[in-house]
């Protein structure tokens, strides 16, 4: 017979597993269509590849120089922020859940691999999904994505 202590331990383990998955990005998170814009400040958490073996790259997996982040603040048609070691700005258009970055500027001076990863794909962003916990941009014909979380 299962006692209360066993139920509590099982519940705690499940809750911990769920919170860790949310923090690192659940590949199949639910899009919330009631959220109509991407406004806010977001930090890049991971890059997903939906092809062979479905690898996920996190900041700790590549050169990020002591954890420097890619942090972007979005308004209705522009963004600004910090790409690890450099300030960046850009403009975009949105139609439904499609996005097109029309300009992106900033230096790559001293930028570690984590920063280069975003700079290399920013013009390739095609669509997005989002909910209150995550913003996911898709690129490469939806074979890849970059996941951001609120900052």
Protein backbone atom coordinates (compact mmCIF):
# COMPACT_ATOMS: atom_id res chain seq x y z
CA UNK A 1 0.00 0.00 0.00
CA UNK A 2 1.28 3.46 -0.89
CA UNK A 3 1.64 5.82 2.05
CA UNK A 4 1.64 9.64 2.08
CA UNK A 5 5.44 9.84 2.22
CA UNK A 6 5.76 7.80 -0.98
CA UNK A 7 3.14 9.94 -2.73
CA UNK A 8 4.96 13.10 -1.62
CA UNK A 9 8.33 11.80 -2.92
CA UNK A 10 6.81 10.78 -6.27
CA UNK A 11 5.05 14.13 -6.61
CA UNK A 12 8.29 16.00 -5.77
CA UNK A 13 10.29 14.03 -8.34
CA UNK A 14 7.68 14.66 -11.05
CA UNK A 15 7.52 18.36 -10.20
CA UNK A 16 11.31 18.65 -10.32
CA UNK A 17 11.47 16.84 -13.67
CA UNK A 18 8.76 19.10 -15.10
CA UNK A 19 10.45 22.30 -13.91
CA UNK A 20 13.82 21.22 -15.34
CA UNK A 21 12.22 20.45 -18.69
CA UNK A 22 10.46 23.83 -18.76
CA UNK A 23 13.70 25.63 -17.97
CA UNK A 24 15.58 23.92 -20.77
CA UNK A 25 12.87 24.12 -23.37
CA UNK A 26 10.22 21.57 -24.15
CA UNK A 27 10.33 20.90 -27.90
CA UNK A 28 6.57 20.48 -28.15
CA UNK A 29 5.38 23.33 -26.00
CA UNK A 30 1.95 24.71 -26.75
CA UNK A 31 1.63 27.85 -28.85
CA UNK A 32 -0.77 30.39 -27.32
CA UNK A 33 -2.48 32.11 -30.28
CA UNK A 34 -4.07 34.67 -27.98
CA UNK A 35 -0.63 36.29 -27.60
CA UNK A 36 -0.45 38.54 -30.65
CA UNK A 37 3.03 40.07 -30.39
CA UNK A 38 6.51 39.20 -29.20
CA UNK A 39 7.05 42.41 -27.22
CA UNK A 40 9.19 42.04 -24.13
CA UNK A 41 12.71 41.16 -23.11
CA UNK A 42 13.87 37.62 -23.86
CA UNK A 43 17.10 35.66 -23.34
CA UNK A 44 18.28 32.85 -25.64
CA UNK A 45 18.24 29.49 -23.84
CA UNK A 46 18.83 26.86 -26.52
CA UNK A 47 19.07 25.91 -30.17
CA UNK A 48 17.16 22.86 -31.38
CA UNK A 49 17.79 20.71 -34.43
CA UNK A 50 14.79 18.60 -35.50
CA UNK A 51 16.76 16.37 -37.85
CA UNK A 52 18.97 13.38 -37.06
CA UNK A 53 19.14 12.67 -33.28
CA UNK A 54 17.38 15.99 -32.44
CA UNK A 55 20.32 17.61 -30.62
CA UNK A 56 19.77 20.60 -28.34
CA UNK A 57 22.61 23.10 -27.82
CA UNK A 58 22.69 25.06 -24.59
CA UNK A 59 25.02 27.82 -23.49
CA UNK A 60 27.09 25.39 -21.42
CA UNK A 61 27.71 23.25 -24.53
CA UNK A 62 29.64 25.93 -26.46
CA UNK A 63 32.03 28.82 -25.87
CA UNK A 64 29.99 31.45 -24.03
CA UNK A 65 32.72 33.22 -22.06
CA UNK A 66 31.57 32.80 -18.51
CA UNK A 67 27.90 32.57 -19.36
CA UNK A 68 27.41 35.76 -21.38
CA UNK A 69 23.85 35.90 -22.70
CA UNK A 70 22.02 36.94 -25.82
CA UNK A 71 19.30 39.25 -24.44
CA UNK A 72 16.86 40.98 -26.79
CA UNK A 73 14.04 43.44 -26.13
CA UNK A 74 11.31 43.42 -28.79
CA UNK A 75 8.86 46.21 -29.56
CA UNK A 76 6.17 46.12 -32.26
CA UNK A 77 8.66 46.17 -35.17
CA UNK A 78 12.18 46.50 -33.78
CA UNK A 79 14.53 44.96 -31.25
CA UNK A 80 17.66 45.89 -29.37
CA UNK A 81 19.84 44.23 -26.83
CA UNK A 82 23.11 42.55 -26.14
CA UNK A 83 24.58 39.66 -28.08
CA UNK A 84 27.10 38.44 -25.50
CA UNK A 85 29.83 41.11 -25.91
CA UNK A 86 28.12 43.52 -28.30
CA UNK A 87 25.07 45.77 -28.52
CA UNK A 88 22.70 44.91 -31.37
CA UNK A 89 19.62 46.43 -32.98
CA UNK A 90 17.27 45.33 -35.69
CA UNK A 91 13.91 45.63 -37.38
CA UNK A 92 11.40 42.97 -38.36
CA UNK A 93 7.95 42.44 -39.76
CA UNK A 94 5.37 39.99 -38.46
CA UNK A 95 2.35 38.57 -40.23
CA UNK A 96 0.46 36.01 -38.19
CA UNK A 97 3.14 33.67 -36.90
CA UNK A 98 5.70 34.45 -39.62
CA UNK A 99 8.60 36.79 -39.01
CA UNK A 100 11.09 38.45 -41.34
CA UNK A 101 14.11 40.30 -39.97
CA UNK A 102 14.69 43.26 -42.29
CA UNK A 103 17.80 44.66 -40.60
CA UNK A 104 20.26 43.58 -37.94
CA UNK A 105 23.29 45.51 -36.82
CA UNK A 106 26.04 45.18 -34.33
CA UNK A 107 29.67 44.26 -34.11
CA UNK A 108 30.99 40.72 -33.74
CA UNK A 109 34.16 41.95 -32.01
CA UNK A 110 35.23 39.53 -29.32
CA UNK A 111 32.01 37.58 -29.63
CA UNK A 112 32.15 33.94 -28.41
CA UNK A 113 30.49 31.07 -30.27
CA UNK A 114 27.22 31.50 -28.32
CA UNK A 115 26.82 35.01 -29.75
CA UNK A 116 27.85 33.96 -33.26
CA UNK A 117 25.16 31.30 -33.28
CA UNK A 118 22.43 33.94 -33.06
CA UNK A 119 24.08 36.39 -35.48
CA UNK A 120 24.45 33.60 -38.03
CA UNK A 121 20.73 32.74 -38.11
CA UNK A 122 18.95 36.04 -37.42
CA UNK A 123 18.20 36.72 -41.11
CA UNK A 124 16.95 33.13 -41.55
CA UNK A 125 14.12 33.34 -39.00
CA UNK A 126 10.86 32.26 -40.66
CA UNK A 127 8.17 31.72 -38.05
CA UNK A 128 7.58 31.55 -34.33
CA UNK A 129 5.48 30.01 -31.60
CA UNK A 130 5.10 31.44 -28.15
CA UNK A 131 3.39 31.21 -24.82
CA UNK A 132 3.99 33.07 -21.60
CA UNK A 133 7.06 30.92 -20.80
CA UNK A 134 8.84 30.67 -24.16
CA UNK A 135 9.35 32.27 -27.53
CA UNK A 136 10.60 29.92 -30.21
CA UNK A 137 11.84 31.13 -33.60
CA UNK A 138 12.02 28.56 -36.41
CA UNK A 139 14.40 28.66 -39.36
CA UNK A 140 15.88 26.38 -42.03
CA UNK A 141 12.41 25.29 -43.23
CA UNK A 142 11.37 24.51 -39.61
CA UNK A 143 14.24 22.05 -39.21
CA UNK A 144 15.83 24.24 -36.51
CA UNK A 145 14.74 26.63 -33.80
CA UNK A 146 16.10 28.97 -31.17
CA UNK A 147 14.25 29.15 -27.87
CA UNK A 148 14.09 32.28 -25.73
CA UNK A 149 12.64 32.71 -22.25
CA UNK A 150 11.51 35.90 -20.50
CA UNK A 151 14.31 37.84 -18.88
